[in-house]
PDB file of N, CA and C in Angstrom:
ATOM      1  N   MET A   1       0.866  -1.167   0.046  1.00  0.00           N
ATOM      2  CA  MET A   1       0.152   0.006   0.070  1.00  0.00           C
ATOM      3  C   MET A   1       0.893   1.306   0.057  1.00  0.00           C
ATOM      4  N   ASP A   2       0.565   2.252  -0.884  1.00  0.00           N
ATOM      5  CA  ASP A   2       1.318   3.405  -1.016  1.00  0.00           C
ATOM      6  C   ASP A   2       0.673   4.492  -0.068  1.00  0.00           C
ATOM      7  N   LEU A   3       1.319   4.725   1.067  1.00  0.00           N
ATOM      8  CA  LEU A   3       0.947   5.684   1.926  1.00  0.00           C
ATOM      9  C   LEU A   3       1.626   7.110   1.889  1.00  0.00           C
ATOM     10  N   PRO A   4       1.055   8.025   2.004  1.00  0.00           N
ATOM     11  CA  PRO A   4       1.646   9.307   2.038  1.00  0.00           C
ATOM     12  C   PRO A   4       2.749   9.392   3.294  1.00  0.00           C
ATOM     13  N   ARG A   5       3.897  10.196   3.113  1.00  0.00           N
ATOM     14  CA  ARG A   5       4.871  10.012   4.071  1.00  0.00           C
ATOM     15  C   ARG A   5       4.291  10.445   5.540  1.00  0.00           C
ATOM     16  N   ASP A   6       3.718  11.507   5.660  1.00  0.00           N
ATOM     17  CA  ASP A   6       3.117  11.871   6.831  1.00  0.00           C
ATOM     18  C   ASP A   6       2.478  10.798   7.670  1.00  0.00           C
ATOM     19  N   LEU A   7       1.498  10.256   6.727  1.00  0.00           N
ATOM     20  CA  LEU A   7       0.581   9.296   7.220  1.00  0.00           C
ATOM     21  C   LEU A   7       1.450   7.855   7.645  1.00  0.00           C
ATOM     22  N   HIS A   8       2.354   7.614   7.040  1.00  0.00           N
ATOM     23  CA  HIS A   8       3.138   6.577   7.342  1.00  0.00           C
ATOM     24  C   HIS A   8       3.790   6.839   8.505  1.00  0.00           C
ATOM     25  N   ARG A   9       4.473   7.921   8.818  1.00  0.00           N
ATOM     26  CA  ARG A   9       5.066   8.244  10.032  1.00  0.00           C
ATOM     27  C   ARG A   9       4.217   8.279  11.281  1.00  0.00           C
ATOM     28  N   ARG A  10       3.031   8.744  10.960  1.00  0.00           N
ATOM     29  CA  ARG A  10       2.141   8.845  12.267  1.00  0.00           C
ATOM     30  C   ARG A  10       1.636   7.616  12.590  1.00  0.00           C
ATOM     31  N   LEU A  11       1.422   6.570  11.521  1.00  0.00           N
ATOM     32  CA  LEU A  11       1.005   5.224  11.956  1.00  0.00           C
ATOM     33  C   LEU A  11       2.056   4.568  12.663  1.00  0.00           C
ATOM     34  N   HIS A  12       3.277   4.542  12.179  1.00  0.00           N
ATOM     35  CA  HIS A  12       4.412   3.861  13.018  1.00  0.00           C
ATOM     36  C   HIS A  12       4.649   4.495  14.269  1.00  0.00           C
ATOM     37  N   ASP A  13       4.467   5.813  14.387  1.00  0.00           N
ATOM     38  CA  ASP A  13       4.472   6.316  15.740  1.00  0.00           C
ATOM     39  C   ASP A  13       3.637   5.914  16.585  1.00  0.00           C
ATOM     40  N   ARG A  14       2.220   5.912  16.256  1.00  0.00           N
ATOM     41  CA  ARG A  14       1.262   5.359  17.078  1.00  0.00           C
ATOM     42  C   ARG A  14       1.516   3.899  17.370  1.00  0.00           C
ATOM     43  N   ALA A  15       1.806   3.167  16.444  1.00  0.00           N
ATOM     44  CA  ALA A  15       2.081   1.674  16.642  1.00  0.00           C
ATOM     45  C   ALA A  15       3.094   1.410  17.536  1.00  0.00           C
ATOM     46  N   ALA A  16       4.199   2.294  17.515  1.00  0.00           N
ATOM     47  CA  ALA A  16       5.297   2.125  18.559  1.00  0.00           C
ATOM     48  C   ALA A  16       4.873   2.496  20.012  1.00  0.00           C
ATOM     49  N   ARG A  17       4.018   3.659  20.241  1.00  0.00           N
ATOM     50  CA  ARG A  17       3.481   4.104  21.374  1.00  0.00           C
ATOM     51  C   ARG A  17       2.558   2.908  22.192  1.00  0.00           C
ATOM     52  N   GLU A  18       1.828   2.328  21.058  1.00  0.00           N
ATOM     53  CA  GLU A  18       0.909   1.160  21.758  1.00  0.00           C
ATOM     54  C   GLU A  18       1.542  -0.194  21.760  1.00  0.00           C
ATOM     55  N   ARG A  19       2.830  -0.188  21.511  1.00  0.00           N
ATOM     56  CA  ARG A  19       3.489  -1.575  21.287  1.00  0.00           C
ATOM     57  C   ARG A  19       2.961  -2.486  20.418  1.00  0.00           C
ATOM     58  N   ARG A  20       2.356  -2.072  19.228  1.00  0.00           N
ATOM     59  CA  ARG A  20       1.629  -2.783  18.253  1.00  0.00           C
ATOM     60  C   ARG A  20       2.461  -2.742  17.167  1.00  0.00           C
ATOM     61  N   SER A  21       2.125  -3.707  16.029  1.00  0.00           N
ATOM     62  CA  SER A  21       2.595  -3.468  14.804  1.00  0.00           C
ATOM     63  C   SER A  21       1.706  -2.518  14.086  1.00  0.00           C
ATOM     64  N   ALA A  22       2.392  -1.941  13.014  1.00  0.00           N
ATOM     65  CA  ALA A  22       1.470  -1.028  11.957  1.00  0.00           C
ATOM     66  C   ALA A  22       0.427  -1.822  11.348  1.00  0.00           C
ATOM     67  N   ARG A  23       0.660  -3.103  11.059  1.00  0.00           N
ATOM     68  CA  ARG A  23      -0.147  -3.987  10.401  1.00  0.00           C
ATOM     69  C   ARG A  23      -1.512  -4.255  11.396  1.00  0.00           C
ATOM     70  N   GLN A  24      -1.210  -4.264  12.505  1.00  0.00           N
ATOM     71  CA  GLN A  24      -2.406  -4.549  13.491  1.00  0.00           C
ATOM     72  C   GLN A  24      -3.166  -3.306  13.505  1.00  0.00           C
ATOM     73  N   LEU A  25      -2.618  -2.180  13.723  1.00  0.00           N
ATOM     74  CA  LEU A  25      -3.374  -0.920  13.692  1.00  0.00           C
ATOM     75  C   LEU A  25      -4.280  -0.834  12.488  1.00  0.00           C
ATOM     76  N   MET A  26      -3.620  -1.195  11.257  1.00  0.00           N
ATOM     77  CA  MET A  26      -4.347  -1.070  10.075  1.00  0.00           C
ATOM     78  C   MET A  26      -5.551  -2.091   9.854  1.00  0.00           C
ATOM     79  N   LEU A  27      -5.474  -3.209  10.226  1.00  0.00           N
ATOM     80  CA  LEU A  27      -6.251  -4.358  10.192  1.00  0.00           C
ATOM     81  C   LEU A  27      -7.366  -3.921  11.105  1.00  0.00           C
ATOM     82  N   GLU A  28      -7.088  -3.320  12.377  1.00  0.00           N
ATOM     83  CA  GLU A  28      -8.090  -3.006  13.368  1.00  0.00           C
ATOM     84  C   GLU A  28      -8.972  -1.921  12.889  1.00  0.00           C
ATOM     85  N   GLY A  29      -8.258  -0.932  12.155  1.00  0.00           N
ATOM     86  CA  GLY A  29      -9.222   0.151  11.764  1.00  0.00           C
ATOM     87  C   GLY A  29      -9.965  -0.197  10.519  1.00  0.00           C
ATOM     88  N   LEU A  30      -9.520  -1.020   9.579  1.00  0.00           N
ATOM     89  CA  LEU A  30     -10.397  -1.399   8.477  1.00  0.00           C
ATOM     90  C   LEU A  30     -11.482  -2.252   8.954  1.00  0.00           C
ATOM     91  N   GLU A  31     -11.318  -3.242   9.893  1.00  0.00           N
ATOM     92  CA  GLU A  31     -12.299  -3.928  10.452  1.00  0.00           C
ATOM     93  C   GLU A  31     -13.464  -3.022  11.185  1.00  0.00           C
ATOM     94  N   ARG A  32     -12.944  -2.004  11.927  1.00  0.00           N
ATOM     95  CA  ARG A  32     -13.940  -1.109  12.521  1.00  0.00           C
ATOM     96  C   ARG A  32     -14.756  -0.244  11.572  1.00  0.00           C
ATOM     97  N   LEU A  33     -14.000   0.337  10.292  1.00  0.00           N
ATOM     98  CA  LEU A  33     -14.608   0.960   9.311  1.00  0.00           C
ATOM     99  C   LEU A  33     -15.825   0.070   8.550  1.00  0.00           C
ATOM    100  N   LEU A  34     -15.343  -1.130   8.262  1.00  0.00           N
ATOM    101  CA  LEU A  34     -16.254  -2.063   7.591  1.00  0.00           C
ATOM    102  C   LEU A  34     -17.348  -2.551   8.305  1.00  0.00           C
ATOM    103  N   SER A  35     -17.194  -2.554   9.600  1.00  0.00           N
ATOM    104  CA  SER A  35     -18.383  -3.229  10.425  1.00  0.00           C
ATOM    105  C   SER A  35     -19.485  -2.102  10.727  1.00  0.00           C
ATOM    106  N   GLU A  36     -19.115  -0.995  10.417  1.00  0.00           N
ATOM    107  CA  GLU A  36     -20.137   0.100  10.824  1.00  0.00           C
ATOM    108  C   GLU A  36     -21.217  -0.012   9.746  1.00  0.00           C
ATOM    109  N   PRO A  37     -22.506   0.248  10.132  1.00  0.00           N
ATOM    110  CA  PRO A  37     -23.524   0.097   9.198  1.00  0.00           C
ATOM    111  C   PRO A  37     -23.533   1.310   8.248  1.00  0.00           C
ATOM    112  N   GLN A  38     -23.791   0.876   7.159  1.00  0.00           N
ATOM    113  CA  GLN A  38     -23.883   1.944   6.031  1.00  0.00           C
ATOM    114  C   GLN A  38     -25.277   2.568   5.869  1.00  0.00           C
ATOM    115  N   PRO A  39     -25.222   3.865   5.732  1.00  0.00           N
ATOM    116  CA  PRO A  39     -26.569   4.299   5.458  1.00  0.00           C
ATOM    117  C   PRO A  39     -27.289   3.908   4.142  1.00  0.00           C
ATOM    118  N   GLN A  40     -28.599   3.682   4.132  1.00  0.00           N
ATOM    119  CA  GLN A  40     -29.363   3.216   3.143  1.00  0.00           C
ATOM    120  C   GLN A  40     -29.607   4.267   2.070  1.00  0.00           C
ATOM    121  N   ARG A  41     -29.200   4.199   0.876  1.00  0.00           N
ATOM    122  CA  ARG A  41     -29.305   5.264  -0.111  1.00  0.00           C
ATOM    123  C   ARG A  41     -30.614   4.773  -0.776  1.00  0.00           C
ATOM    124  N   THR A  42     -31.584   5.627  -0.863  1.00  0.00           N
ATOM    125  CA  THR A  42     -32.816   5.369  -1.711  1.00  0.00           C
ATOM    126  C   THR A  42     -32.479   5.327  -3.226  1.00  0.00           C
ATOM    127  N   LYS A  43     -32.754   4.461  -3.945  1.00  0.00           N
ATOM    128  CA  LYS A  43     -32.625   4.401  -5.411  1.00  0.00           C
ATOM    129  C   LYS A  43     -33.644   5.386  -5.991  1.00  0.00           C
ATOM    130  N   GLN A  44     -33.142   6.486  -6.569  1.00  0.00           N
ATOM    131  CA  GLN A  44     -34.196   7.395  -7.214  1.00  0.00           C
ATOM    132  C   GLN A  44     -33.819   7.469  -8.629  1.00  0.00           C
ATOM    133  N   ARG A  45     -34.967   7.303  -9.296  1.00  0.00           N
ATOM    134  CA  ARG A  45     -34.931   7.242 -10.876  1.00  0.00           C
ATOM    135  C   ARG A  45     -35.288   8.563 -11.398  1.00  0.00           C
ATOM    136  N   LEU A  46     -34.566   9.025 -12.548  1.00  0.00           N
ATOM    137  CA  LEU A  46     -34.782  10.283 -13.181  1.00  0.00           C
ATOM    138  C   LEU A  46     -36.262  10.210 -13.678  1.00  0.00           C
ATOM    139  N   SER A  47     -36.974  11.269 -13.666  1.00  0.00           N
ATOM    140  CA  SER A  47     -38.194  11.311 -14.180  1.00  0.00           C
ATOM    141  C   SER A  47     -37.978  11.652 -15.643  1.00  0.00           C
ATOM    142  N   LEU A  48     -38.542  10.912 -16.574  1.00  0.00           N
ATOM    143  CA  LEU A  48     -38.459  11.126 -17.967  1.00  0.00           C
ATOM    144  C   LEU A  48     -39.584  11.626 -18.597  1.00  0.00           C
ATOM    145  N   GLU A  49     -40.400  12.367 -17.625  1.00  0.00           N
ATOM    146  CA  GLU A  49     -41.537  13.046 -18.093  1.00  0.00           C
ATOM    147  C   GLU A  49     -41.293  14.352 -18.943  1.00  0.00           C
ATOM    148  N   ILE A  50     -40.167  15.066 -18.430  1.00  0.00           N
ATOM    149  CA  ILE A  50     -39.869  16.149 -19.108  1.00  0.00           C
ATOM    150  C   ILE A  50     -38.394  15.945 -19.556  1.00  0.00           C
ATOM    151  N   PRO A  51     -38.000  16.409 -20.632  1.00  0.00           N
ATOM    152  CA  PRO A  51     -36.703  16.110 -21.245  1.00  0.00           C
ATOM    153  C   PRO A  51     -35.545  16.744 -20.304  1.00  0.00           C
ATOM    154  N   ILE A  52     -34.463  16.158 -20.032  1.00  0.00           N
ATOM    155  CA  ILE A  52     -33.331  16.631 -19.139  1.00  0.00           C
ATOM    156  C   ILE A  52     -32.735  17.873 -19.843  1.00  0.00           C
ATOM    157  N   VAL A  53     -32.632  17.683 -21.065  1.00  0.00           N
ATOM    158  CA  VAL A  53     -32.140  18.960 -21.751  1.00  0.00           C
ATOM    159  C   VAL A  53     -33.160  19.380 -22.796  1.00  0.00           C
ATOM    160  N   PRO A  54     -33.835  20.580 -22.489  1.00  0.00           N
ATOM    161  CA  PRO A  54     -34.891  21.026 -23.440  1.00  0.00           C
ATOM    162  C   PRO A  54     -34.303  21.257 -24.896  1.00  0.00           C
ATOM    163  N   SER A  55     -35.427  20.840 -25.928  1.00  0.00           N
ATOM    164  CA  SER A  55     -35.098  20.883 -27.150  1.00  0.00           C
ATOM    165  C   SER A  55     -35.251  22.341 -27.682  1.00  0.00           C
ATOM    166  N   THR A  56     -34.277  22.717 -28.760  1.00  0.00           N
ATOM    167  CA  THR A  56     -34.347  24.041 -29.337  1.00  0.00           C
ATOM    168  C   THR A  56     -34.737  24.162 -30.708  1.00  0.00           C
ATOM    169  N   GLY A  57     -34.943  22.922 -31.378  1.00  0.00           N
ATOM    170  CA  GLY A  57     -35.468  22.727 -32.737  1.00  0.00           C
ATOM    171  C   GLY A  57     -36.811  22.420 -32.927  1.00  0.00           C
ATOM    172  N   LYS A  58     -37.210  22.185 -34.151  1.00  0.00           N
ATOM    173  CA  LYS A  58     -38.498  21.798 -34.416  1.00  0.00           C
ATOM    174  C   LYS A  58     -38.674  20.335 -33.938  1.00  0.00           C
ATOM    175  N   PRO A  59     -39.913  20.155 -33.293  1.00  0.00           N
ATOM    176  CA  PRO A  59     -40.409  18.651 -32.971  1.00  0.00           C
ATOM    177  C   PRO A  59     -40.457  17.792 -34.232  1.00  0.00           C
ATOM    178  N   PHE A  60     -40.109  16.628 -34.011  1.00  0.00           N
ATOM    179  CA  PHE A  60     -40.479  15.547 -35.155  1.00  0.00           C
ATOM    180  C   PHE A  60     -41.119  14.329 -34.560  1.00  0.00           C
ATOM    181  N   GLY A  61     -41.881  13.704 -35.376  1.00  0.00           N
ATOM    182  CA  GLY A  61     -42.530  12.542 -34.856  1.00  0.00           C
ATOM    183  C   GLY A  61     -42.007  11.275 -35.589  1.00  0.00           C
ATOM    184  N   LEU A  62     -40.762  10.708 -35.184  1.00  0.00           N
ATOM    185  CA  LEU A  62     -40.393   9.501 -35.626  1.00  0.00           C
ATOM    186  C   LEU A  62     -40.304   8.434 -34.554  1.00  0.00           C
ATOM    187  N   THR A  63     -40.823   7.274 -34.973  1.00  0.00           N
ATOM    188  CA  THR A  63     -40.749   5.982 -34.079  1.00  0.00           C
ATOM    189  C   THR A  63     -39.367   5.543 -34.065  1.00  0.00           C
ATOM    190  N   SER A  64     -39.113   4.806 -33.056  1.00  0.00           N
ATOM    191  CA  SER A  64     -37.887   4.102 -33.005  1.00  0.00           C
ATOM    192  C   SER A  64     -37.478   3.234 -34.183  1.00  0.00           C
ATOM    193  N   ASP A  65     -38.484   2.545 -34.827  1.00  0.00           N
ATOM    194  CA  ASP A  65     -38.252   1.800 -35.932  1.00  0.00           C
ATOM    195  C   ASP A  65     -37.838   2.683 -37.100  1.00  0.00           C
ATOM    196  N   GLU A  66     -38.479   3.789 -37.274  1.00  0.00           N
ATOM    197  CA  GLU A  66     -37.952   4.657 -38.307  1.00  0.00           C
ATOM    198  C   GLU A  66     -36.761   5.331 -38.182  1.00  0.00           C
ATOM    199  N   ILE A  67     -36.300   5.572 -36.886  1.00  0.00           N
ATOM    200  CA  ILE A  67     -34.939   5.985 -36.719  1.00  0.00           C
ATOM    201  C   ILE A  67     -33.904   4.819 -37.179  1.00  0.00           C
ATOM    202  N   TYR A  68     -34.288   3.781 -36.662  1.00  0.00           N
ATOM    203  CA  TYR A  68     -33.342   2.612 -37.081  1.00  0.00           C
ATOM    204  C   TYR A  68     -33.118   2.375 -38.511  1.00  0.00           C
ATOM    205  N   ASP A  69     -34.264   2.656 -39.172  1.00  0.00           N
ATOM    206  CA  ASP A  69     -34.243   2.533 -40.663  1.00  0.00           C
ATOM    207  C   ASP A  69     -33.377   3.591 -41.282  1.00  0.00           C
ATOM    208  N   LEU A  70     -33.141   4.757 -40.735  1.00  0.00           N
ATOM    209  CA  LEU A  70     -32.492   5.980 -41.167  1.00  0.00           C
ATOM    210  C   LEU A  70     -30.993   5.634 -40.862  1.00  0.00           C
ATOM    211  N   ILE A  71     -30.702   4.868 -39.970  1.00  0.00           N
ATOM    212  CA  ILE A  71     -29.121   4.827 -39.406  1.00  0.00           C
ATOM    213  C   ILE A  71     -28.685   3.483 -40.162  1.00  0.00           C
ATOM    214  N   ASP A  72     -27.575   3.478 -40.762  1.00  0.00           N
ATOM    215  CA  ASP A  72     -26.754   2.375 -41.191  1.00  0.00           C
ATOM    216  C   ASP A  72     -25.937   1.768 -40.073  1.00  0.00           C
ATOM    217  N   LEU A  73     -26.476   0.551 -39.653  1.00  0.00           N
ATOM    218  CA  LEU A  73     -25.847  -0.222 -38.730  1.00  0.00           C
ATOM    219  C   LEU A  73     -25.134  -1.478 -39.145  1.00  0.00           C
ATOM    220  N   PRO A  74     -24.005  -1.786 -38.565  1.00  0.00           N
ATOM    221  CA  PRO A  74     -23.114  -2.869 -39.170  1.00  0.00           C
ATOM    222  C   PRO A  74     -23.911  -4.188 -39.020  1.00  0.00           C
TER     223      PRO A  74
END
């Protein structure tokens, strides 16, 4: 793991004060971090009722099939 020099020094200083290895401190910190409950994020979907980017041109009435007919797909 590539740690910034200051963080590496502080880690080893604390490990020496606690008479533990830096590895033990890192494992304990990771275990504590990963055991904390994560806040639940609600999945929000974008509303497609109104366009995300408003159109500035003339509206046209093409179906998906008509658009595919106009495009040369491999």
